[in-house]
Amino acid sequence: MNSKGEYYEQLALDYLLQHGLSLVCRNFQCKAGEIDLVMRQAQQLVFVEVKYRASAAFGGALAAVTAAKQQKLLRAVRWYLQQHGGQNQPCRIDVLAIEGREPFHYNWLQNAFS
């Protein structure tokens, strides 16, 4: 991963920690894909896709999470749950979109898709 991506993932992590979530792991990789952040909120696992765009033109950061990206992320989440015995654990997939320049605009879409 490049340092720019790591920078925005760290911003996202800090934001989510400030909102009461705790970190389970970062950059989970498997043959199905990658999960940027795996967090926990109460008893729920939260899989987070982090997207940054400097501008909202062309739909901004949220538009970058295409249907194909969603399917890839779903496969990675299923793989994670299978490998970590979490098939029966409540979970959700969130997207945290960061846009603009400092001060950044955060758009946290909880339960973005399933």
N, C-alpha and C. Protein backbone atom coordinates (compact mmCIF):
# COMPACT_ATOMS: atom_id res chain seq x y z
N MET A 1 0.84 -1.19 0.00
CA MET A 1 0.00 0.00 0.00
C MET A 1 0.88 1.24 0.00
N ASN A 2 0.40 2.29 -0.67
CA ASN A 2 1.19 3.51 -0.71
C ASN A 2 0.97 4.34 0.54
N SER A 3 1.87 5.26 0.78
CA SER A 3 1.79 6.06 2.00
C SER A 3 0.56 6.97 1.99
N LYS A 4 0.10 7.40 0.81
CA LYS A 4 -1.10 8.23 0.73
C LYS A 4 -2.31 7.44 1.22
N GLY A 5 -2.44 6.20 0.75
CA GLY A 5 -3.54 5.35 1.21
C GLY A 5 -3.47 5.09 2.70
N GLU A 6 -2.28 4.85 3.21
CA GLU A 6 -2.11 4.61 4.64
C GLU A 6 -2.50 5.85 5.44
N TYR A 7 -2.18 7.02 4.91
CA TYR A 7 -2.51 8.28 5.59
C TYR A 7 -4.02 8.41 5.77
N TYR A 8 -4.78 8.17 4.70
CA TYR A 8 -6.23 8.31 4.78
C TYR A 8 -6.86 7.19 5.59
N GLU A 9 -6.28 6.00 5.56
CA GLU A 9 -6.78 4.93 6.43
C GLU A 9 -6.55 5.28 7.89
N GLN A 10 -5.41 5.92 8.19
CA GLN A 10 -5.15 6.33 9.57
C GLN A 10 -6.14 7.41 10.01
N LEU A 11 -6.44 8.36 9.11
CA LEU A 11 -7.46 9.38 9.42
C LEU A 11 -8.80 8.71 9.72
N ALA A 12 -9.16 7.73 8.89
CA ALA A 12 -10.42 7.01 9.08
C ALA A 12 -10.42 6.26 10.41
N LEU A 13 -9.31 5.60 10.71
CA LEU A 13 -9.20 4.87 11.97
C LEU A 13 -9.36 5.81 13.16
N ASP A 14 -8.67 6.94 13.12
CA ASP A 14 -8.78 7.91 14.21
C ASP A 14 -10.22 8.39 14.38
N TYR A 15 -10.88 8.65 13.26
CA TYR A 15 -12.27 9.11 13.27
C TYR A 15 -13.18 8.06 13.92
N LEU A 16 -13.02 6.81 13.52
CA LEU A 16 -13.86 5.74 14.06
C LEU A 16 -13.57 5.48 15.53
N LEU A 17 -12.31 5.56 15.93
CA LEU A 17 -11.96 5.40 17.34
C LEU A 17 -12.62 6.49 18.18
N GLN A 18 -12.65 7.72 17.64
CA GLN A 18 -13.29 8.84 18.35
C GLN A 18 -14.80 8.62 18.48
N HIS A 19 -15.36 7.80 17.60
CA HIS A 19 -16.79 7.52 17.64
C HIS A 19 -17.11 6.20 18.34
N GLY A 20 -16.16 5.71 19.14
CA GLY A 20 -16.43 4.59 20.03
C GLY A 20 -16.18 3.20 19.49
N LEU A 21 -15.66 3.08 18.27
CA LEU A 21 -15.33 1.76 17.75
C LEU A 21 -13.93 1.37 18.19
N SER A 22 -13.63 0.08 18.18
CA SER A 22 -12.28 -0.37 18.51
C SER A 22 -11.73 -1.16 17.33
N LEU A 23 -10.42 -1.10 17.18
CA LEU A 23 -9.77 -1.76 16.05
C LEU A 23 -9.59 -3.25 16.31
N VAL A 24 -9.96 -4.06 15.31
CA VAL A 24 -9.71 -5.49 15.34
C VAL A 24 -8.48 -5.78 14.47
N CYS A 25 -8.48 -5.30 13.22
CA CYS A 25 -7.30 -5.43 12.37
C CYS A 25 -7.36 -4.45 11.21
N ARG A 26 -6.20 -4.22 10.60
CA ARG A 26 -6.08 -3.33 9.45
C ARG A 26 -5.64 -4.14 8.24
N ASN A 27 -6.09 -3.72 7.08
CA ASN A 27 -5.63 -4.28 5.81
C ASN A 27 -5.66 -5.80 5.79
N PHE A 28 -6.80 -6.37 6.12
CA PHE A 28 -6.95 -7.83 6.03
C PHE A 28 -6.95 -8.20 4.55
N GLN A 29 -6.05 -9.09 4.17
CA GLN A 29 -5.94 -9.51 2.77
C GLN A 29 -6.16 -11.00 2.66
N CYS A 30 -6.87 -11.37 1.60
CA CYS A 30 -7.09 -12.78 1.29
C CYS A 30 -7.23 -12.89 -0.21
N LYS A 31 -7.41 -14.10 -0.70
CA LYS A 31 -7.51 -14.28 -2.15
C LYS A 31 -8.75 -13.59 -2.72
N ALA A 32 -9.75 -13.34 -1.88
CA ALA A 32 -10.98 -12.69 -2.34
C ALA A 32 -10.85 -11.18 -2.44
N GLY A 33 -9.89 -10.59 -1.73
CA GLY A 33 -9.73 -9.14 -1.76
C GLY A 33 -9.13 -8.62 -0.48
N GLU A 34 -9.41 -7.34 -0.20
CA GLU A 34 -8.85 -6.68 0.98
C GLU A 34 -9.94 -5.93 1.71
N ILE A 35 -9.82 -5.91 3.03
CA ILE A 35 -10.70 -5.11 3.88
C ILE A 35 -9.81 -4.08 4.56
N ASP A 36 -10.12 -2.81 4.37
CA ASP A 36 -9.26 -1.75 4.91
C ASP A 36 -9.18 -1.80 6.43
N LEU A 37 -10.34 -1.80 7.09
CA LEU A 37 -10.38 -1.82 8.55
C LEU A 37 -11.45 -2.80 9.02
N VAL A 38 -11.11 -3.58 10.03
CA VAL A 38 -12.09 -4.40 10.72
C VAL A 38 -12.18 -3.82 12.12
N MET A 39 -13.36 -3.36 12.47
CA MET A 39 -13.58 -2.68 13.75
C MET A 39 -14.63 -3.45 14.54
N ARG A 40 -14.80 -3.05 15.78
CA ARG A 40 -15.86 -3.61 16.63
C ARG A 40 -16.62 -2.45 17.25
N GLN A 41 -17.96 -2.56 17.20
CA GLN A 41 -18.82 -1.61 17.88
C GLN A 41 -19.79 -2.44 18.71
N ALA A 42 -19.62 -2.38 20.02
CA ALA A 42 -20.35 -3.25 20.95
C ALA A 42 -20.08 -4.70 20.54
N GLN A 43 -21.11 -5.48 20.26
CA GLN A 43 -20.92 -6.89 19.89
C GLN A 43 -20.86 -7.10 18.38
N GLN A 44 -20.85 -6.02 17.62
CA GLN A 44 -20.93 -6.12 16.16
C GLN A 44 -19.57 -5.89 15.51
N LEU A 45 -19.23 -6.76 14.56
CA LEU A 45 -18.05 -6.54 13.73
C LEU A 45 -18.42 -5.55 12.63
N VAL A 46 -17.54 -4.60 12.38
CA VAL A 46 -17.79 -3.58 11.37
C VAL A 46 -16.64 -3.61 10.37
N PHE A 47 -16.96 -3.93 9.12
CA PHE A 47 -15.97 -3.97 8.04
C PHE A 47 -16.04 -2.63 7.33
N VAL A 48 -14.90 -1.94 7.24
CA VAL A 48 -14.91 -0.57 6.74
C VAL A 48 -14.07 -0.45 5.48
N GLU A 49 -14.70 0.08 4.43
CA GLU A 49 -14.02 0.46 3.20
C GLU A 49 -13.75 1.96 3.29
N VAL A 50 -12.49 2.34 3.16
CA VAL A 50 -12.10 3.75 3.24
C VAL A 50 -11.84 4.26 1.83
N LYS A 51 -12.45 5.39 1.50
CA LYS A 51 -12.23 6.02 0.20
C LYS A 51 -11.93 7.49 0.39
N TYR A 52 -10.94 7.99 -0.34
CA TYR A 52 -10.61 9.41 -0.33
C TYR A 52 -10.69 9.97 -1.74
N ARG A 53 -11.25 11.14 -1.85
CA ARG A 53 -11.22 11.91 -3.09
C ARG A 53 -11.01 13.36 -2.72
N ALA A 54 -10.17 14.03 -3.49
CA ALA A 54 -9.90 15.44 -3.23
C ALA A 54 -11.11 16.30 -3.53
N SER A 55 -11.97 15.82 -4.44
CA SER A 55 -13.12 16.63 -4.81
C SER A 55 -14.35 15.75 -4.95
N ALA A 56 -15.51 16.38 -4.87
CA ALA A 56 -16.77 15.65 -5.01
C ALA A 56 -17.17 15.52 -6.48
N ALA A 57 -16.35 16.04 -7.37
CA ALA A 57 -16.63 15.91 -8.80
C ALA A 57 -16.67 14.43 -9.17
N PHE A 58 -17.43 14.10 -10.17
CA PHE A 58 -17.59 12.71 -10.63
C PHE A 58 -18.16 11.81 -9.54
N GLY A 59 -18.93 12.39 -8.63
CA GLY A 59 -19.59 11.58 -7.61
C GLY A 59 -18.85 11.48 -6.29
N GLY A 60 -17.62 11.92 -6.24
CA GLY A 60 -16.88 11.91 -4.99
C GLY A 60 -16.46 10.51 -4.54
N ALA A 61 -16.09 10.43 -3.28
CA ALA A 61 -15.53 9.20 -2.73
C ALA A 61 -16.55 8.07 -2.68
N LEU A 62 -17.80 8.37 -2.34
CA LEU A 62 -18.80 7.31 -2.26
C LEU A 62 -19.03 6.64 -3.60
N ALA A 63 -19.00 7.42 -4.68
CA ALA A 63 -19.21 6.87 -6.01
C ALA A 63 -18.08 5.92 -6.42
N ALA A 64 -16.94 6.01 -5.74
CA ALA A 64 -15.81 5.14 -6.05
C ALA A 64 -16.03 3.71 -5.56
N VAL A 65 -17.05 3.52 -4.72
CA VAL A 65 -17.37 2.17 -4.25
C VAL A 65 -18.42 1.60 -5.22
N THR A 66 -17.91 1.11 -6.33
CA THR A 66 -18.76 0.60 -7.41
C THR A 66 -19.39 -0.74 -7.03
N ALA A 67 -20.33 -1.19 -7.84
CA ALA A 67 -20.96 -2.49 -7.62
C ALA A 67 -19.91 -3.61 -7.62
N ALA A 68 -18.94 -3.51 -8.52
CA ALA A 68 -17.88 -4.52 -8.58
C ALA A 68 -17.04 -4.49 -7.29
N LYS A 69 -16.74 -3.31 -6.79
CA LYS A 69 -15.98 -3.17 -5.54
C LYS A 69 -16.79 -3.74 -4.37
N GLN A 70 -18.10 -3.49 -4.38
CA GLN A 70 -18.95 -4.02 -3.32
C GLN A 70 -18.93 -5.55 -3.32
N GLN A 71 -19.01 -6.17 -4.49
CA GLN A 71 -18.99 -7.62 -4.58
C GLN A 71 -17.66 -8.19 -4.10
N LYS A 72 -16.57 -7.54 -4.47
CA LYS A 72 -15.24 -7.98 -4.03
C LYS A 72 -15.12 -7.88 -2.50
N LEU A 73 -15.63 -6.79 -1.95
CA LEU A 73 -15.59 -6.60 -0.51
C LEU A 73 -16.45 -7.63 0.21
N LEU A 74 -17.63 -7.92 -0.33
CA LEU A 74 -18.49 -8.95 0.25
C LEU A 74 -17.79 -10.32 0.29
N ARG A 75 -17.10 -10.65 -0.79
CA ARG A 75 -16.35 -11.92 -0.81
C ARG A 75 -15.26 -11.93 0.27
N ALA A 76 -14.57 -10.82 0.43
CA ALA A 76 -13.52 -10.74 1.45
C ALA A 76 -14.10 -10.84 2.85
N VAL A 77 -15.26 -10.21 3.07
CA VAL A 77 -15.92 -10.29 4.38
C VAL A 77 -16.33 -11.73 4.68
N ARG A 78 -16.91 -12.41 3.70
CA ARG A 78 -17.28 -13.82 3.90
C ARG A 78 -16.06 -14.66 4.24
N TRP A 79 -14.96 -14.43 3.55
CA TRP A 79 -13.71 -15.15 3.80
C TRP A 79 -13.24 -14.88 5.23
N TYR A 80 -13.25 -13.60 5.63
CA TYR A 80 -12.82 -13.23 6.98
C TYR A 80 -13.67 -13.96 8.02
N LEU A 81 -14.98 -13.91 7.85
CA LEU A 81 -15.88 -14.54 8.83
C LEU A 81 -15.65 -16.05 8.88
N GLN A 82 -15.42 -16.66 7.75
CA GLN A 82 -15.17 -18.10 7.69
C GLN A 82 -13.87 -18.44 8.42
N GLN A 83 -12.83 -17.65 8.20
CA GLN A 83 -11.53 -17.93 8.79
C GLN A 83 -11.48 -17.63 10.29
N HIS A 84 -12.36 -16.73 10.74
CA HIS A 84 -12.32 -16.32 12.15
C HIS A 84 -13.53 -16.79 12.94
N GLY A 85 -14.24 -17.77 12.41
CA GLY A 85 -15.36 -18.36 13.15
C GLY A 85 -16.46 -17.38 13.48
N GLY A 86 -16.69 -16.40 12.61
CA GLY A 86 -17.67 -15.37 12.93
C GLY A 86 -18.93 -15.44 12.11
N GLN A 87 -19.24 -16.61 11.54
CA GLN A 87 -20.41 -16.71 10.67
C GLN A 87 -21.70 -16.31 11.38
N ASN A 88 -21.80 -16.55 12.68
CA ASN A 88 -23.02 -16.24 13.42
C ASN A 88 -22.93 -14.92 14.17
N GLN A 89 -21.86 -14.19 13.96
CA GLN A 89 -21.66 -12.93 14.66
C GLN A 89 -22.33 -11.79 13.90
N PRO A 90 -23.03 -10.89 14.60
CA PRO A 90 -23.62 -9.75 13.90
C PRO A 90 -22.52 -8.88 13.30
N CYS A 91 -22.74 -8.46 12.06
CA CYS A 91 -21.75 -7.62 11.40
C CYS A 91 -22.42 -6.71 10.38
N ARG A 92 -21.67 -5.72 9.95
CA ARG A 92 -22.15 -4.82 8.91
C ARG A 92 -20.95 -4.31 8.12
N ILE A 93 -21.26 -3.75 6.95
CA ILE A 93 -20.22 -3.16 6.11
C ILE A 93 -20.49 -1.66 6.01
N ASP A 94 -19.49 -0.88 6.38
CA ASP A 94 -19.59 0.58 6.31
C ASP A 94 -18.63 1.11 5.26
N VAL A 95 -18.93 2.28 4.76
CA VAL A 95 -18.00 3.02 3.91
C VAL A 95 -17.72 4.34 4.60
N LEU A 96 -16.45 4.66 4.74
CA LEU A 96 -16.07 5.96 5.29
C LEU A 96 -15.39 6.74 4.17
N ALA A 97 -16.11 7.73 3.67
CA ALA A 97 -15.61 8.55 2.58
C ALA A 97 -15.02 9.83 3.16
N ILE A 98 -13.80 10.13 2.73
CA ILE A 98 -13.10 11.35 3.16
C ILE A 98 -12.90 12.19 1.91
N GLU A 99 -13.31 13.46 1.99
CA GLU A 99 -13.23 14.31 0.81
C GLU A 99 -12.63 15.66 1.15
N GLY A 100 -12.08 16.28 0.12
CA GLY A 100 -11.58 17.64 0.24
C GLY A 100 -10.18 17.73 0.78
N ARG A 101 -9.86 18.89 1.24
CA ARG A 101 -8.57 19.18 1.87
C ARG A 101 -8.83 19.47 3.34
N GLU A 102 -7.78 19.54 4.14
CA GLU A 102 -7.97 19.82 5.56
C GLU A 102 -8.65 21.15 5.73
N PRO A 103 -9.67 21.27 6.58
CA PRO A 103 -10.26 20.17 7.35
C PRO A 103 -11.11 19.27 6.45
N PHE A 104 -10.89 17.99 6.53
CA PHE A 104 -11.55 17.04 5.66
C PHE A 104 -13.03 16.91 5.99
N HIS A 105 -13.80 16.52 5.00
CA HIS A 105 -15.22 16.22 5.21
C HIS A 105 -15.35 14.69 5.29
N TYR A 106 -15.95 14.20 6.37
CA TYR A 106 -16.14 12.76 6.56
C TYR A 106 -17.60 12.42 6.31
N ASN A 107 -17.83 11.39 5.52
CA ASN A 107 -19.17 10.88 5.28
C ASN A 107 -19.14 9.40 5.62
N TRP A 108 -19.69 9.07 6.79
CA TRP A 108 -19.66 7.70 7.29
C TRP A 108 -21.01 7.05 6.99
N LEU A 109 -21.01 6.17 6.04
CA LEU A 109 -22.23 5.48 5.63
C LEU A 109 -22.24 4.11 6.30
N GLN A 110 -23.06 3.98 7.34
CA GLN A 110 -23.15 2.72 8.07
C GLN A 110 -24.12 1.80 7.37
N ASN A 111 -23.82 0.51 7.42
CA ASN A 111 -24.65 -0.49 6.73
C ASN A 111 -24.81 -0.11 5.26
N ALA A 112 -23.69 0.19 4.63
CA ALA A 112 -23.69 0.72 3.26
C ALA A 112 -24.33 -0.25 2.27
N PHE A 113 -24.08 -1.53 2.45
CA PHE A 113 -24.65 -2.56 1.58
C PHE A 113 -24.49 -3.91 2.26
N SER A 114 -25.19 -4.91 1.74
CA SER A 114 -25.07 -6.24 2.37
C SER A 114 -25.09 -7.32 1.31
